[in-house]
Amino acid sequence: MAVKPANHTATVAVYPGAFDPIHNGHIDVIRRSVMLFDEVIVAVAYNPHKDAALFTPDERVAMIRDVIHDLEPRARVDKFSGAVVDYAQRIGARAIIRSMRAVTDFDYEMNMAQMNRLMNPNVETVFVFAKASLFFSASRLIREVAGYGKKVPELVPDLVMERLRKKLGVE
């Protein structure tokens, strides 16, 4: 491990998302982000007025904690509502981690990064790509497949699949 200068302040990054549920693409991005930043806050985003997620924010936080517990204290989990740049400023994060699965995500993510920069130029957006074998991972697709009673161990940790199948009433 590199020696940090005496005046080094920890670089905190926030990785926001719905994580409904968290999948191996998310986990890959978290694990790689911990190598780049001193601390990564995995932040479950929710809207208390119109959140249509399958899992509650607290259920998502608990699932993520269970999956990344080996990365503590470098990675921890929180939840927030509102603008991510406001949340980042509140917790002292200097970067927002975003991931793209394919070129189809590029326009949306680039627009979001530019808007965040307009709202707070002190918080930078950093793109971290999941490994290629996980590019097609998407929580929406995983929920749909699980609803049909199928398992996708390549895309979701076992404990997440168990909770997903239970939530969907599929055994």
C-alpha atoms as a PDB file:
ATOM      1  CA  MET A   1       0.000   0.000   0.000  1.00  0.00           C
ATOM      2  CA  ALA A   2       1.279   3.447  -0.912  1.00  0.00           C
ATOM      3  CA  VAL A   3       2.335   5.827   1.823  1.00  0.00           C
ATOM      4  CA  LYS A   4       0.029   8.837   2.010  1.00  0.00           C
ATOM      5  CA  PRO A   5       1.385  12.304   2.716  1.00  0.00           C
ATOM      6  CA  ALA A   6       0.942  13.551   6.275  1.00  0.00           C
ATOM      7  CA  ASN A   7      -1.551  16.184   5.115  1.00  0.00           C
ATOM      8  CA  HIS A   8      -3.666  13.674   3.150  1.00  0.00           C
ATOM      9  CA  THR A   9      -7.391  13.916   3.710  1.00  0.00           C
ATOM     10  CA  ALA A  10      -9.525  10.908   2.921  1.00  0.00           C
ATOM     11  CA  THR A  11     -11.160  10.924  -0.485  1.00  0.00           C
ATOM     12  CA  VAL A  12     -14.771   9.889  -0.119  1.00  0.00           C
ATOM     13  CA  ALA A  13     -16.903   8.826  -3.070  1.00  0.00           C
ATOM     14  CA  VAL A  14     -20.593   8.023  -3.223  1.00  0.00           C
ATOM     15  CA  TYR A  15     -21.997   5.266  -5.439  1.00  0.00           C
ATOM     16  CA  PRO A  16     -25.722   6.059  -5.689  1.00  0.00           C
ATOM     17  CA  GLY A  17     -28.395   3.819  -7.121  1.00  0.00           C
ATOM     18  CA  ALA A  18     -31.685   2.093  -6.538  1.00  0.00           C
ATOM     19  CA  PHE A  19     -29.971  -1.307  -6.051  1.00  0.00           C
ATOM     20  CA  ASP A  20     -33.346  -3.078  -6.315  1.00  0.00           C
ATOM     21  CA  PRO A  21     -31.768  -5.575  -5.909  1.00  0.00           C
ATOM     22  CA  ILE A  22     -28.000  -5.260  -5.857  1.00  0.00           C
ATOM     23  CA  HIS A  23     -26.350  -7.546  -8.417  1.00  0.00           C
ATOM     24  CA  ASN A  24     -22.854  -8.704  -9.301  1.00  0.00           C
ATOM     25  CA  GLY A  25     -22.320  -5.794 -11.710  1.00  0.00           C
ATOM     26  CA  HIS A  26     -22.893  -3.360  -8.822  1.00  0.00           C
ATOM     27  CA  ILE A  27     -20.669  -5.421  -6.544  1.00  0.00           C
ATOM     28  CA  ASP A  28     -17.863  -5.443  -9.117  1.00  0.00           C
ATOM     29  CA  VAL A  29     -18.040  -1.636  -9.368  1.00  0.00           C
ATOM     30  CA  ILE A  30     -17.996  -1.308  -5.554  1.00  0.00           C
ATOM     31  CA  ARG A  31     -14.984  -3.608  -5.180  1.00  0.00           C
ATOM     32  CA  ARG A  32     -13.041  -1.764  -7.866  1.00  0.00           C
ATOM     33  CA  SER A  33     -14.042   1.663  -6.506  1.00  0.00           C
ATOM     34  CA  VAL A  34     -12.638   0.784  -3.076  1.00  0.00           C
ATOM     35  CA  MET A  35      -9.248   0.462  -4.798  1.00  0.00           C
ATOM     36  CA  LEU A  36      -9.600   4.047  -6.103  1.00  0.00           C
ATOM     37  CA  PHE A  37     -11.013   5.903  -3.102  1.00  0.00           C
ATOM     38  CA  ASP A  38     -10.321   5.889   0.628  1.00  0.00           C
ATOM     39  CA  GLU A  39     -14.008   5.387   1.387  1.00  0.00           C
ATOM     40  CA  VAL A  40     -16.976   4.458  -0.798  1.00  0.00           C
ATOM     41  CA  ILE A  41     -20.503   5.091   0.407  1.00  0.00           C
ATOM     42  CA  VAL A  42     -22.995   2.865  -1.391  1.00  0.00           C
ATOM     43  CA  ALA A  43     -26.070   5.085  -1.233  1.00  0.00           C
ATOM     44  CA  VAL A  44     -29.537   3.640  -1.778  1.00  0.00           C
ATOM     45  CA  ALA A  45     -31.578   6.316  -3.509  1.00  0.00           C
ATOM     46  CA  TYR A  46     -35.297   6.474  -2.840  1.00  0.00           C
ATOM     47  CA  ASN A  47     -38.184   8.877  -3.242  1.00  0.00           C
ATOM     48  CA  PRO A  48     -40.544   8.670  -0.251  1.00  0.00           C
ATOM     49  CA  HIS A  49     -43.423  10.014  -2.379  1.00  0.00           C
ATOM     50  CA  LYS A  50     -43.217   7.708  -5.379  1.00  0.00           C
ATOM     51  CA  ASP A  51     -40.713   4.921  -4.758  1.00  0.00           C
ATOM     52  CA  ALA A  52     -41.965   1.913  -6.722  1.00  0.00           C
ATOM     53  CA  ALA A  53     -39.083  -0.356  -5.719  1.00  0.00           C
ATOM     54  CA  LEU A  54     -39.704  -3.991  -4.845  1.00  0.00           C
ATOM     55  CA  PHE A  55     -37.564  -3.771  -1.690  1.00  0.00           C
ATOM     56  CA  THR A  56     -37.842  -0.996   0.894  1.00  0.00           C
ATOM     57  CA  PRO A  57     -34.827   1.267   1.332  1.00  0.00           C
ATOM     58  CA  ASP A  58     -34.017  -0.472   4.640  1.00  0.00           C
ATOM     59  CA  GLU A  59     -34.217  -3.921   3.005  1.00  0.00           C
ATOM     60  CA  ARG A  60     -31.879  -2.784   0.232  1.00  0.00           C
ATOM     61  CA  VAL A  61     -29.418  -1.326   2.758  1.00  0.00           C
ATOM     62  CA  ALA A  62     -29.431  -4.593   4.751  1.00  0.00           C
ATOM     63  CA  MET A  63     -28.878  -6.685   1.606  1.00  0.00           C
ATOM     64  CA  ILE A  64     -25.970  -4.539   0.475  1.00  0.00           C
ATOM     65  CA  ARG A  65     -24.390  -4.628   3.949  1.00  0.00           C
ATOM     66  CA  ASP A  66     -24.584  -8.411   3.942  1.00  0.00           C
ATOM     67  CA  VAL A  67     -22.963  -8.603   0.508  1.00  0.00           C
ATOM     68  CA  ILE A  68     -20.078  -6.139   1.047  1.00  0.00           C
ATOM     69  CA  HIS A  69     -19.378  -6.621   4.771  1.00  0.00           C
ATOM     70  CA  ASP A  70     -15.849  -7.798   3.937  1.00  0.00           C
ATOM     71  CA  LEU A  71     -15.036  -4.338   2.524  1.00  0.00           C
ATOM     72  CA  GLU A  72     -15.831  -2.446   5.743  1.00  0.00           C
ATOM     73  CA  PRO A  73     -14.743   0.146   6.794  1.00  0.00           C
ATOM     74  CA  ARG A  74     -13.601   1.196   3.299  1.00  0.00           C
ATOM     75  CA  ALA A  75     -17.132   0.682   1.958  1.00  0.00           C
ATOM     76  CA  ARG A  76     -20.312   1.334   3.861  1.00  0.00           C
ATOM     77  CA  VAL A  77     -23.992   1.645   3.070  1.00  0.00           C
ATOM     78  CA  ASP A  78     -26.439   4.501   3.574  1.00  0.00           C
ATOM     79  CA  LYS A  79     -29.709   5.703   2.070  1.00  0.00           C
ATOM     80  CA  PHE A  80     -30.828   9.107   0.875  1.00  0.00           C
ATOM     81  CA  SER A  81     -33.527  10.941  -1.010  1.00  0.00           C
ATOM     82  CA  GLY A  82     -33.124  14.104  -3.026  1.00  0.00           C
ATOM     83  CA  ALA A  83     -30.334  15.265  -5.298  1.00  0.00           C
ATOM     84  CA  VAL A  84     -27.217  13.133  -5.174  1.00  0.00           C
ATOM     85  CA  VAL A  85     -24.935  16.191  -5.303  1.00  0.00           C
ATOM     86  CA  ASP A  86     -26.602  17.553  -2.164  1.00  0.00           C
ATOM     87  CA  TYR A  87     -26.133  14.200  -0.449  1.00  0.00           C
ATOM     88  CA  ALA A  88     -22.497  14.068  -1.603  1.00  0.00           C
ATOM     89  CA  GLN A  89     -21.847  17.520  -0.166  1.00  0.00           C
ATOM     90  CA  ARG A  90     -23.539  16.589   3.152  1.00  0.00           C
ATOM     91  CA  ILE A  91     -21.298  13.554   3.651  1.00  0.00           C
ATOM     92  CA  GLY A  92     -18.127  15.225   2.348  1.00  0.00           C
ATOM     93  CA  ALA A  93     -17.815  13.160  -0.828  1.00  0.00           C
ATOM     94  CA  ARG A  94     -15.687  14.596  -3.613  1.00  0.00           C
ATOM     95  CA  ALA A  95     -16.808  12.139  -6.263  1.00  0.00           C
ATOM     96  CA  ILE A  96     -19.928  10.413  -7.528  1.00  0.00           C
ATOM     97  CA  ILE A  97     -19.332   6.953  -8.956  1.00  0.00           C
ATOM     98  CA  ARG A  98     -21.498   5.981 -11.908  1.00  0.00           C
ATOM     99  CA  SER A  99     -21.397   2.853 -13.996  1.00  0.00           C
ATOM    100  CA  MET A 100     -22.469   2.232 -17.543  1.00  0.00           C
ATOM    101  CA  ARG A 101     -23.343  -1.145 -18.936  1.00  0.00           C
ATOM    102  CA  ALA A 102     -23.280  -0.267 -22.604  1.00  0.00           C
ATOM    103  CA  VAL A 103     -23.277   2.610 -25.041  1.00  0.00           C
ATOM    104  CA  THR A 104     -27.052   2.926 -24.550  1.00  0.00           C
ATOM    105  CA  ASP A 105     -26.392   4.307 -21.041  1.00  0.00           C
ATOM    106  CA  PHE A 106     -23.952   6.949 -22.286  1.00  0.00           C
ATOM    107  CA  ASP A 107     -26.367   9.814 -23.139  1.00  0.00           C
ATOM    108  CA  TYR A 108     -28.293   9.533 -19.892  1.00  0.00           C
ATOM    109  CA  GLU A 109     -25.182   9.246 -17.707  1.00  0.00           C
ATOM    110  CA  MET A 110     -23.355  12.074 -19.489  1.00  0.00           C
ATOM    111  CA  ASN A 111     -26.360  14.386 -19.139  1.00  0.00           C
ATOM    112  CA  MET A 112     -26.654  13.506 -15.455  1.00  0.00           C
ATOM    113  CA  ALA A 113     -22.931  14.117 -14.880  1.00  0.00           C
ATOM    114  CA  GLN A 114     -23.137  17.536 -16.559  1.00  0.00           C
ATOM    115  CA  MET A 115     -26.226  18.521 -14.570  1.00  0.00           C
ATOM    116  CA  ASN A 116     -24.557  17.442 -11.322  1.00  0.00           C
ATOM    117  CA  ARG A 117     -21.508  19.520 -12.244  1.00  0.00           C
ATOM    118  CA  LEU A 118     -23.738  22.568 -12.814  1.00  0.00           C
ATOM    119  CA  MET A 119     -25.378  22.074  -9.428  1.00  0.00           C
ATOM    120  CA  ASN A 120     -22.085  21.501  -7.600  1.00  0.00           C
ATOM    121  CA  PRO A 121     -18.769  21.940  -9.457  1.00  0.00           C
ATOM    122  CA  ASN A 122     -16.860  20.647  -6.399  1.00  0.00           C
ATOM    123  CA  VAL A 123     -18.150  17.091  -6.875  1.00  0.00           C
ATOM    124  CA  GLU A 124     -16.724  15.154  -9.804  1.00  0.00           C
ATOM    125  CA  THR A 125     -18.417  12.232 -11.572  1.00  0.00           C
ATOM    126  CA  VAL A 126     -16.226   9.182 -12.149  1.00  0.00           C
ATOM    127  CA  PHE A 127     -17.290   6.320 -14.413  1.00  0.00           C
ATOM    128  CA  VAL A 128     -16.334   2.790 -13.384  1.00  0.00           C
ATOM    129  CA  PHE A 129     -17.307  -0.004 -15.728  1.00  0.00           C
ATOM    130  CA  ALA A 130     -18.233  -3.451 -14.504  1.00  0.00           C
ATOM    131  CA  LYS A 131     -16.343  -6.289 -16.120  1.00  0.00           C
ATOM    132  CA  ALA A 132     -17.603  -7.207 -19.573  1.00  0.00           C
ATOM    133  CA  SER A 133     -19.281 -10.450 -18.505  1.00  0.00           C
ATOM    134  CA  LEU A 134     -21.630  -8.396 -16.307  1.00  0.00           C
ATOM    135  CA  PHE A 135     -22.507  -5.664 -18.832  1.00  0.00           C
ATOM    136  CA  PHE A 136     -26.021  -6.972 -19.378  1.00  0.00           C
ATOM    137  CA  SER A 137     -26.822  -7.156 -15.639  1.00  0.00           C
ATOM    138  CA  ALA A 138     -29.861  -5.106 -14.765  1.00  0.00           C
ATOM    139  CA  SER A 139     -31.939  -5.235 -11.587  1.00  0.00           C
ATOM    140  CA  ARG A 140     -35.145  -4.994 -13.623  1.00  0.00           C
ATOM    141  CA  LEU A 141     -34.251  -8.068 -15.689  1.00  0.00           C
ATOM    142  CA  ILE A 142     -33.098  -9.982 -12.619  1.00  0.00           C
ATOM    143  CA  ARG A 143     -36.436  -9.276 -10.865  1.00  0.00           C
ATOM    144  CA  GLU A 144     -38.308 -10.466 -13.943  1.00  0.00           C
ATOM    145  CA  VAL A 145     -36.315 -13.697 -14.269  1.00  0.00           C
ATOM    146  CA  ALA A 146     -36.664 -14.400 -10.547  1.00  0.00           C
ATOM    147  CA  GLY A 147     -40.430 -13.874 -10.858  1.00  0.00           C
ATOM    148  CA  TYR A 148     -40.498 -16.778 -13.320  1.00  0.00           C
ATOM    149  CA  GLY A 149     -38.836 -18.956 -10.687  1.00  0.00           C
ATOM    150  CA  LYS A 150     -35.442 -18.938 -12.411  1.00  0.00           C
ATOM    151  CA  LYS A 151     -32.116 -18.464 -10.681  1.00  0.00           C
ATOM    152  CA  VAL A 152     -29.247 -16.422 -12.096  1.00  0.00           C
ATOM    153  CA  PRO A 153     -26.251 -17.211  -9.852  1.00  0.00           C
ATOM    154  CA  GLU A 154     -23.877 -15.593 -12.358  1.00  0.00           C
ATOM    155  CA  LEU A 155     -25.606 -12.248 -11.815  1.00  0.00           C
ATOM    156  CA  VAL A 156     -26.767 -12.195  -8.185  1.00  0.00           C
ATOM    157  CA  PRO A 157     -25.250 -13.468  -4.919  1.00  0.00           C
ATOM    158  CA  ASP A 158     -27.172 -16.376  -3.380  1.00  0.00           C
ATOM    159  CA  LEU A 159     -28.395 -14.380  -0.384  1.00  0.00           C
ATOM    160  CA  VAL A 160     -29.839 -11.712  -2.676  1.00  0.00           C
ATOM    161  CA  MET A 161     -31.561 -14.356  -4.818  1.00  0.00           C
ATOM    162  CA  GLU A 162     -33.059 -15.955  -1.698  1.00  0.00           C
ATOM    163  CA  ARG A 163     -34.485 -12.629  -0.534  1.00  0.00           C
ATOM    164  CA  LEU A 164     -35.699 -11.796  -4.025  1.00  0.00           C
ATOM    165  CA  ARG A 165     -37.516 -15.125  -4.447  1.00  0.00           C
ATOM    166  CA  LYS A 166     -39.054 -14.804  -0.983  1.00  0.00           C
ATOM    167  CA  LYS A 167     -40.224 -11.245  -1.707  1.00  0.00           C
ATOM    168  CA  LEU A 168     -41.767 -12.397  -4.998  1.00  0.00           C
ATOM    169  CA  GLY A 169     -43.362 -15.448  -3.380  1.00  0.00           C
ATOM    170  CA  VAL A 170     -41.407 -17.842  -5.591  1.00  0.00           C
ATOM    171  CA  GLU A 171     -39.893 -20.852  -3.886  1.00  0.00           C
END
